[in-house]
Amino acid sequence: MGGAGAGGATSFQLWSWGNNSFGQLGHGNTTSRSSPVQVGALSDWVSISGGSFFALAVKSNGTLWSWGRNNQGQLGHGNLTYLSSPVQVGSLTNWSKVVAGKGGDWVMAIKTDGTLWAWGSNAFGQLGQGNTTSQSSPVQIGTNTNWAEIASGQGSAFAVTSSGALYAWGVNGVGQLGLGNTTSYSSPKQVGALTNWSKLAAGENHVIAVKTNGTLWSWGQGTYGKTGQGDTTNRSSPTQIGAQTYWTACASGSEFSVAVGNSGRFYSWGYNYFGQLGTGNTTNSSSPVQVGALTNWSSNIAIGINHVIAVKTDNTLWSWGRGSSGQLGSGATSNTSSPAQVGSLTTWSLVGAGHDSSYGLKS
């Protein structure tokens, strides 16, 4: 998800809705919700990331919290105990960014000192430790202190340094690491030699990224056209999508992707069985298609497996795609193939999405 980190950032209330089979909504129970419900009563949250039936969030004081399923130690508490309410991970107050593996049971995070950490399942070496040993507590990846951006796929990891260099590691069966091969690695490897990478998002087996020049790139599995290249071909090296230089944000689901341009226009492509492309139909697209004609979408987007949560520049909240678990927040459990506003509030700021759960931060 896109969002603020700790350290002087504006803080918000945390709300959640959707599937709650493992307590991933954080309400102290396993009751699913089809409309947003506040998590606790505090207003000190600054970021949220949903995983596969679990979630993690950072507070304004730099503490890290987690809850939900914990079968691989992905909650970071040194055990395998499931939690239905937020519990602090350790006692440190220097956490900055956290992302949960898309479709996987692992986590990656950056601290305020620029160090990189990971924990949870490590079946493919995605924890970056040079081995495949799972960890139930945070472990540091290398010794570098210049990490700035992170993204996590099902068993693959990606990180960008403050100088714009891109690194990848983990499973690579369809070329999703972007290294020009299909060899898996259990330690970070630099993707090419360029230092102009900015934002990135990982689906289960593909990656979407934005460079500092505003160009959009993709690689990995091309099934359903989710790499946006006009075909379904796998690619093991970054390939530019179109020739435009106006991209500012991107996000990926399991089999589809979205991106926002600096004009506030929203685009999507890939698998569309549940209407998750937001184009008013269920037709797949192998190239970016604009969602409606509006130009007021912000860069705050979150994608579950088959649904989208997004904030507009007027701070309204919108959703579309699969709704079977109430993850769209509309009070219903039906699918929606076009953006629909969630309630009428204009105080939403940041969003997150798990498998079929959703999270929002609002003032």
Protein backbone atom coordinates (compact mmCIF):
# COMPACT_ATOMS: atom_id res chain seq x y z
CA MET A 1 0.00 0.00 0.00
CA GLY A 2 0.97 3.63 -0.27
CA GLY A 3 1.22 5.49 2.98
CA ALA A 4 3.15 7.54 5.47
CA GLY A 5 5.80 6.23 7.80
CA ALA A 6 6.52 7.07 11.38
CA GLY A 7 8.46 10.04 12.61
CA GLY A 8 6.37 13.18 12.71
CA ALA A 9 3.74 11.91 10.28
CA THR A 10 0.08 12.77 10.70
CA SER A 11 -1.68 9.97 12.60
CA PHE A 12 -5.14 8.52 12.04
CA GLN A 13 -7.85 6.16 13.22
CA LEU A 14 -7.61 2.60 11.87
CA TRP A 15 -10.67 0.95 10.31
CA SER A 16 -11.12 -2.52 8.81
CA TRP A 17 -13.71 -4.67 7.05
CA GLY A 18 -14.07 -7.90 5.05
CA ASN A 19 -13.07 -11.46 5.87
CA ASN A 20 -12.10 -12.01 9.51
CA SER A 21 -11.67 -15.79 9.69
CA PHE A 22 -8.32 -15.49 11.50
CA GLY A 23 -8.93 -12.25 13.39
CA GLN A 24 -7.18 -10.23 10.68
CA LEU A 25 -9.55 -7.29 11.12
CA GLY A 26 -8.14 -6.70 14.61
CA HIS A 27 -11.48 -6.44 16.44
CA GLY A 28 -10.78 -9.11 19.05
CA ASN A 29 -13.01 -11.68 17.35
CA THR A 30 -13.42 -13.59 14.08
CA THR A 31 -16.63 -11.93 12.89
CA SER A 32 -16.46 -10.71 9.30
CA ARG A 33 -17.71 -7.20 8.50
CA SER A 34 -19.15 -5.75 5.29
CA SER A 35 -18.80 -2.12 6.40
CA PRO A 36 -15.84 -0.27 7.99
CA VAL A 37 -15.45 -0.74 11.76
CA GLN A 38 -12.84 1.09 13.83
CA VAL A 39 -10.01 -0.93 15.35
CA GLY A 40 -9.81 0.20 18.95
CA ALA A 41 -10.36 3.85 19.86
CA LEU A 42 -6.93 5.39 19.29
CA SER A 43 -5.91 7.80 16.52
CA ASP A 44 -2.18 7.13 16.45
CA TRP A 45 -1.76 4.95 13.35
CA VAL A 46 0.37 6.07 10.39
CA SER A 47 0.53 3.06 8.03
CA ILE A 48 -1.16 -0.30 7.42
CA SER A 49 -0.38 -3.36 5.31
CA GLY A 50 -2.63 -6.38 4.84
CA GLY A 51 -1.24 -9.83 4.14
CA SER A 52 -2.75 -13.24 3.53
CA PHE A 53 -5.17 -13.27 6.50
CA PHE A 54 -3.00 -11.08 8.74
CA ALA A 55 -2.07 -7.42 9.04
CA LEU A 56 0.65 -5.12 10.35
CA ALA A 57 0.64 -1.43 11.16
CA VAL A 58 2.99 1.28 12.41
CA LYS A 59 2.02 3.88 14.99
CA SER A 60 3.15 7.51 15.18
CA ASN A 61 5.63 6.61 17.93
CA GLY A 62 7.44 4.19 15.61
CA THR A 63 6.11 1.01 17.21
CA LEU A 64 5.09 -1.94 15.05
CA TRP A 65 1.90 -3.95 15.64
CA SER A 66 0.52 -7.16 14.10
CA TRP A 67 -2.48 -9.49 14.27
CA GLY A 68 -4.27 -12.32 12.44
CA ARG A 69 -2.99 -15.66 11.20
CA ASN A 70 0.46 -16.67 12.40
CA ASN A 71 1.10 -20.14 11.00
CA GLN A 72 4.60 -19.22 9.78
CA GLY A 73 5.56 -16.71 12.45
CA GLN A 74 4.59 -13.83 10.16
CA LEU A 75 3.32 -11.73 13.09
CA GLY A 76 6.92 -11.43 14.32
CA HIS A 77 6.30 -12.30 17.97
CA GLY A 78 8.65 -15.27 18.19
CA ASN A 79 5.80 -17.77 18.22
CA LEU A 80 2.98 -19.21 16.08
CA THR A 81 0.08 -17.84 18.13
CA TYR A 82 -2.84 -16.32 16.22
CA LEU A 83 -4.04 -12.90 17.41
CA SER A 84 -7.39 -11.15 16.83
CA SER A 85 -6.27 -7.77 18.21
CA PRO A 86 -3.14 -5.68 17.51
CA VAL A 87 -0.13 -6.66 19.64
CA GLN A 88 3.17 -4.78 19.60
CA VAL A 89 6.11 -6.50 17.89
CA GLY A 90 8.98 -6.21 20.36
CA SER A 91 9.62 -2.90 22.08
CA LEU A 92 11.48 -0.88 19.45
CA THR A 93 10.23 2.53 18.31
CA ASN A 94 12.10 2.92 15.03
CA TRP A 95 9.93 1.14 12.49
CA SER A 96 9.16 3.11 9.34
CA LYS A 97 7.64 0.98 6.54
CA VAL A 98 6.18 -2.52 6.51
CA VAL A 99 4.73 -4.71 3.74
CA ALA A 100 3.16 -8.16 3.95
CA GLY A 101 3.90 -10.74 1.27
CA LYS A 102 1.25 -10.83 -1.45
CA GLY A 103 -0.42 -14.21 -1.13
CA GLY A 104 2.33 -15.35 1.24
CA ASP A 105 2.98 -15.69 4.97
CA TRP A 106 5.96 -13.38 5.40
CA VAL A 107 6.83 -9.74 6.02
CA MET A 108 9.46 -7.19 5.07
CA ALA A 109 10.10 -3.86 6.81
CA ILE A 110 12.39 -0.84 6.90
CA LYS A 111 13.49 0.93 10.07
CA THR A 112 14.11 4.67 10.41
CA ASP A 113 17.86 3.97 10.28
CA GLY A 114 17.47 2.58 6.74
CA THR A 115 18.06 -1.05 7.71
CA LEU A 116 16.00 -3.83 6.09
CA TRP A 117 14.26 -6.62 8.05
CA ALA A 118 12.13 -9.69 7.30
CA TRP A 119 10.36 -12.58 9.03
CA GLY A 120 7.84 -15.39 8.51
CA SER A 121 7.89 -18.10 5.87
CA ASN A 122 11.18 -18.54 4.03
CA ALA A 123 10.47 -21.48 1.73
CA PHE A 124 11.96 -19.66 -1.28
CA GLY A 125 14.71 -17.67 0.44
CA GLN A 126 12.53 -14.54 0.45
CA LEU A 127 13.82 -13.47 3.87
CA GLY A 128 17.17 -12.73 2.21
CA GLN A 129 19.27 -14.66 4.73
CA GLY A 130 21.08 -16.92 2.28
CA ASN A 131 19.00 -19.90 3.43
CA THR A 132 15.41 -21.18 3.54
CA THR A 133 14.92 -21.18 7.32
CA SER A 134 11.70 -19.51 8.46
CA GLN A 135 11.85 -16.90 11.23
CA SER A 136 9.17 -15.92 13.75
CA SER A 137 10.97 -12.72 14.82
CA PRO A 138 12.46 -9.91 12.68
CA VAL A 139 15.92 -10.63 11.24
CA GLN A 140 18.07 -8.06 9.44
CA ILE A 141 18.86 -8.49 5.75
CA GLY A 142 22.53 -7.62 5.28
CA THR A 143 24.05 -4.56 6.91
CA ASN A 144 23.13 -1.75 4.53
CA THR A 145 21.44 1.36 5.91
CA ASN A 146 20.18 2.91 2.68
CA TRP A 147 16.93 1.07 1.96
CA ALA A 148 14.01 3.30 0.92
CA GLU A 149 11.22 1.26 -0.75
CA ILE A 150 10.04 -2.35 -0.47
CA ALA A 151 7.57 -4.69 -2.16
CA SER A 152 6.81 -8.34 -1.53
CA GLY A 153 5.29 -11.00 -3.76
CA GLN A 154 4.21 -14.52 -2.91
CA GLY A 155 7.77 -15.72 -2.37
CA SER A 156 9.84 -12.96 -3.92
CA ALA A 157 11.15 -9.72 -2.45
CA PHE A 158 12.11 -6.35 -3.93
CA ALA A 159 13.77 -3.29 -2.45
CA VAL A 160 15.03 0.05 -3.73
CA THR A 161 17.90 1.95 -2.13
CA SER A 162 17.91 5.68 -1.44
CA SER A 163 20.11 6.04 -4.54
CA GLY A 164 17.50 4.34 -6.76
CA ALA A 165 19.13 0.92 -7.20
CA LEU A 166 16.73 -2.05 -7.38
CA TYR A 167 17.39 -5.41 -5.71
CA ALA A 168 15.42 -8.68 -5.84
CA TRP A 169 15.57 -12.14 -4.26
CA GLY A 170 13.41 -15.21 -3.57
CA VAL A 171 11.50 -17.44 -5.96
CA ASN A 172 12.07 -16.77 -9.66
CA GLY A 173 10.37 -19.57 -11.61
CA VAL A 174 8.77 -17.21 -14.15
CA GLY A 175 11.42 -14.49 -14.13
CA GLN A 176 9.67 -12.36 -11.52
CA LEU A 177 12.97 -11.18 -10.01
CA GLY A 178 13.80 -9.31 -13.22
CA LEU A 179 17.36 -10.67 -13.36
CA GLY A 180 17.13 -12.02 -16.90
CA ASN A 181 16.86 -15.64 -15.76
CA THR A 182 14.63 -17.99 -13.79
CA THR A 183 17.12 -18.81 -11.04
CA SER A 184 15.93 -18.32 -7.46
CA TYR A 185 18.18 -16.51 -4.96
CA SER A 186 18.14 -16.38 -1.16
CA SER A 187 20.13 -13.12 -0.93
CA PRO A 188 19.54 -9.73 -2.62
CA LYS A 189 20.76 -9.37 -6.21
CA GLN A 190 20.82 -6.05 -8.07
CA VAL A 191 18.46 -5.79 -11.04
CA GLY A 192 20.57 -4.25 -13.79
CA ALA A 193 22.83 -1.28 -13.08
CA LEU A 194 20.38 1.62 -13.29
CA THR A 195 19.71 3.86 -10.30
CA ASN A 196 16.44 5.52 -11.33
CA TRP A 197 13.89 3.21 -9.74
CA SER A 198 11.23 4.89 -7.59
CA LYS A 199 8.06 2.95 -6.77
CA LEU A 200 7.25 -0.74 -7.15
CA ALA A 201 4.47 -3.23 -6.47
CA ALA A 202 4.62 -7.02 -6.50
CA GLY A 203 1.77 -9.37 -7.35
CA GLU A 204 2.06 -13.07 -6.69
CA ASN A 205 4.37 -13.66 -9.67
CA HIS A 206 4.81 -10.32 -11.42
CA VAL A 207 6.08 -6.82 -10.69
CA ILE A 208 5.05 -3.29 -11.72
CA ALA A 209 7.45 -0.40 -11.15
CA VAL A 210 7.77 3.34 -11.76
CA LYS A 211 11.08 5.05 -12.51
CA THR A 212 12.05 8.56 -11.46
CA ASN A 213 11.41 9.73 -15.03
CA GLY A 214 7.76 8.71 -14.76
CA THR A 215 7.99 5.65 -17.00
CA LEU A 216 6.16 2.42 -16.10
CA TRP A 217 7.80 -1.02 -16.23
CA SER A 218 6.83 -4.66 -15.64
CA TRP A 219 8.25 -8.17 -15.62
CA GLY A 220 7.46 -11.72 -14.50
CA GLN A 221 4.49 -13.89 -15.33
CA GLY A 222 2.30 -12.52 -18.12
CA THR A 223 -0.83 -14.66 -17.57
CA TYR A 224 -4.07 -12.73 -18.29
CA GLY A 225 -1.97 -9.83 -19.58
CA LYS A 226 -1.17 -8.64 -16.05
CA THR A 227 2.20 -7.19 -17.10
CA GLY A 228 0.38 -4.74 -19.42
CA GLN A 229 2.48 -5.52 -22.48
CA GLY A 230 -0.41 -6.39 -24.78
CA ASP A 231 0.28 -10.13 -24.54
CA THR A 232 0.52 -12.97 -22.02
CA THR A 233 4.25 -13.61 -22.37
CA ASN A 234 6.51 -14.10 -19.35
CA ARG A 235 9.41 -11.64 -19.11
CA SER A 236 12.51 -12.08 -16.96
CA SER A 237 13.81 -8.53 -17.37
CA PRO A 238 12.10 -5.15 -16.83
CA THR A 239 10.17 -4.04 -19.92
CA GLN A 240 8.60 -0.61 -20.36
CA ILE A 241 4.81 -0.36 -20.63
CA GLY A 242 4.04 2.11 -23.39
CA ALA A 243 6.03 5.33 -23.79
CA GLN A 244 4.29 7.63 -21.30
CA THR A 245 6.28 9.50 -18.64
CA TYR A 246 3.45 10.55 -16.34
CA TRP A 247 3.13 7.58 -13.94
CA THR A 248 3.24 8.28 -10.20
CA ALA A 249 1.89 5.18 -8.40
CA CYS A 250 1.24 1.48 -9.01
CA ALA A 251 -0.23 -1.55 -7.24
CA SER A 252 -0.65 -5.25 -8.01
CA GLY A 253 -3.14 -7.98 -7.17
CA SER A 254 -2.60 -11.66 -7.73
CA GLU A 255 -3.39 -11.51 -11.46
CA PHE A 256 -3.96 -7.82 -12.26
CA SER A 257 -2.32 -4.43 -11.86
CA VAL A 258 -3.23 -0.75 -11.63
CA ALA A 259 -1.40 2.56 -11.94
CA VAL A 260 -2.14 6.26 -11.52
CA GLY A 261 -0.78 9.07 -13.69
CA ASN A 262 0.16 12.58 -12.56
CA SER A 263 -3.03 13.76 -14.27
CA GLY A 264 -5.06 11.88 -11.64
CA ARG A 265 -6.21 9.28 -14.15
CA PHE A 266 -6.53 5.64 -13.02
CA TYR A 267 -5.60 2.68 -15.26
CA SER A 268 -5.86 -1.09 -14.82
CA TRP A 269 -5.10 -4.30 -16.72
CA GLY A 270 -4.98 -8.09 -16.37
CA TYR A 271 -7.52 -10.53 -14.94
CA ASN A 272 -11.06 -9.18 -14.59
CA TYR A 273 -13.36 -12.07 -13.70
CA PHE A 274 -14.73 -10.22 -10.64
CA GLY A 275 -14.75 -6.77 -12.22
CA GLN A 276 -11.56 -5.83 -10.38
CA LEU A 277 -10.33 -3.70 -13.29
CA GLY A 278 -13.18 -1.28 -12.57
CA THR A 279 -14.06 -0.88 -16.23
CA GLY A 280 -17.74 -1.77 -15.88
CA ASN A 281 -17.33 -5.26 -17.31
CA THR A 282 -15.53 -8.55 -16.66
CA THR A 283 -13.32 -8.56 -19.75
CA ASN A 284 -9.61 -9.16 -19.26
CA SER A 285 -7.20 -6.59 -20.70
CA SER A 286 -3.53 -7.07 -21.57
CA SER A 287 -2.86 -3.34 -21.85
CA PRO A 288 -3.68 -0.44 -19.49
CA VAL A 289 -7.32 0.70 -19.75
CA GLN A 290 -8.55 3.90 -18.12
CA VAL A 291 -11.05 3.49 -15.30
CA GLY A 292 -13.78 6.02 -16.07
CA ALA A 293 -12.93 9.55 -17.12
CA LEU A 294 -12.25 11.23 -13.78
CA THR A 295 -8.91 12.86 -13.01
CA ASN A 296 -9.04 13.02 -9.21
CA TRP A 297 -7.51 9.73 -8.13
CA SER A 298 -4.70 9.98 -5.58
CA SER A 299 -1.68 7.71 -5.25
CA ASN A 300 -3.23 5.95 -2.24
CA ILE A 301 -4.26 2.56 -3.67
CA ALA A 302 -4.42 -0.91 -2.14
CA ILE A 303 -5.18 -4.22 -3.83
CA GLY A 304 -6.27 -7.51 -2.32
CA ILE A 305 -6.31 -10.72 -4.31
CA ASN A 306 -9.27 -9.58 -6.45
CA HIS A 307 -10.45 -6.20 -5.16
CA VAL A 308 -9.30 -2.58 -5.11
CA ILE A 309 -9.51 0.10 -2.41
CA ALA A 310 -8.60 3.65 -3.44
CA VAL A 311 -8.75 7.22 -2.15
CA LYS A 312 -9.53 10.24 -4.33
CA THR A 313 -7.96 13.66 -3.93
CA ASP A 314 -11.10 14.81 -2.08
CA ASN A 315 -10.39 12.10 0.54
CA THR A 316 -13.41 9.99 -0.37
CA LEU A 317 -13.02 6.20 -0.28
CA TRP A 318 -13.87 3.93 -3.25
CA SER A 319 -13.83 0.19 -3.93
CA TRP A 320 -14.57 -2.35 -6.66
CA GLY A 321 -13.99 -5.97 -7.66
CA ARG A 322 -14.79 -9.09 -5.64
CA GLY A 323 -17.04 -8.49 -2.64
CA SER A 324 -17.91 -11.98 -1.42
CA SER A 325 -16.46 -11.39 2.06
CA GLY A 326 -17.65 -7.81 2.45
CA GLN A 327 -14.18 -6.49 1.52
CA LEU A 328 -15.66 -3.66 -0.58
CA GLY A 329 -17.17 -2.07 2.54
CA SER A 330 -20.53 -1.41 0.91
CA GLY A 331 -22.55 -3.39 3.45
CA ALA A 332 -23.16 -6.08 0.83
CA THR A 333 -21.25 -9.14 -0.41
CA SER A 334 -21.72 -8.69 -4.14
CA ASN A 335 -19.10 -7.95 -6.79
CA THR A 336 -18.84 -4.49 -8.33
CA SER A 337 -17.22 -3.84 -11.72
CA SER A 338 -17.09 -0.03 -11.43
CA PRO A 339 -15.77 2.21 -8.63
CA ALA A 340 -18.39 2.71 -5.89
CA GLN A 341 -18.00 5.11 -3.00
CA VAL A 342 -17.73 3.62 0.49
CA GLY A 343 -19.96 5.76 2.69
CA SER A 344 -19.92 9.53 2.33
CA LEU A 345 -16.98 10.62 4.50
CA THR A 346 -14.24 12.86 3.13
CA THR A 347 -11.65 12.09 5.79
CA TRP A 348 -9.90 9.00 4.37
CA SER A 349 -6.16 9.24 3.83
CA LEU A 350 -4.44 5.85 3.47
CA VAL A 351 -5.59 2.35 2.59
CA GLY A 352 -4.42 -1.25 2.83
CA ALA A 353 -5.74 -4.58 1.61
CA GLY A 354 -5.24 -8.19 2.55
CA HIS A 355 -6.39 -11.32 0.73
CA ASP A 356 -10.09 -10.44 1.01
CA SER A 357 -9.97 -7.86 3.81
CA SER A 358 -9.58 -4.08 3.65
CA TYR A 359 -8.11 -1.39 5.89
CA GLY A 360 -8.33 2.37 5.95
CA LEU A 361 -6.80 5.23 7.91
CA LYS A 362 -8.97 8.29 8.46
CA SER A 363 -8.93 11.46 10.52
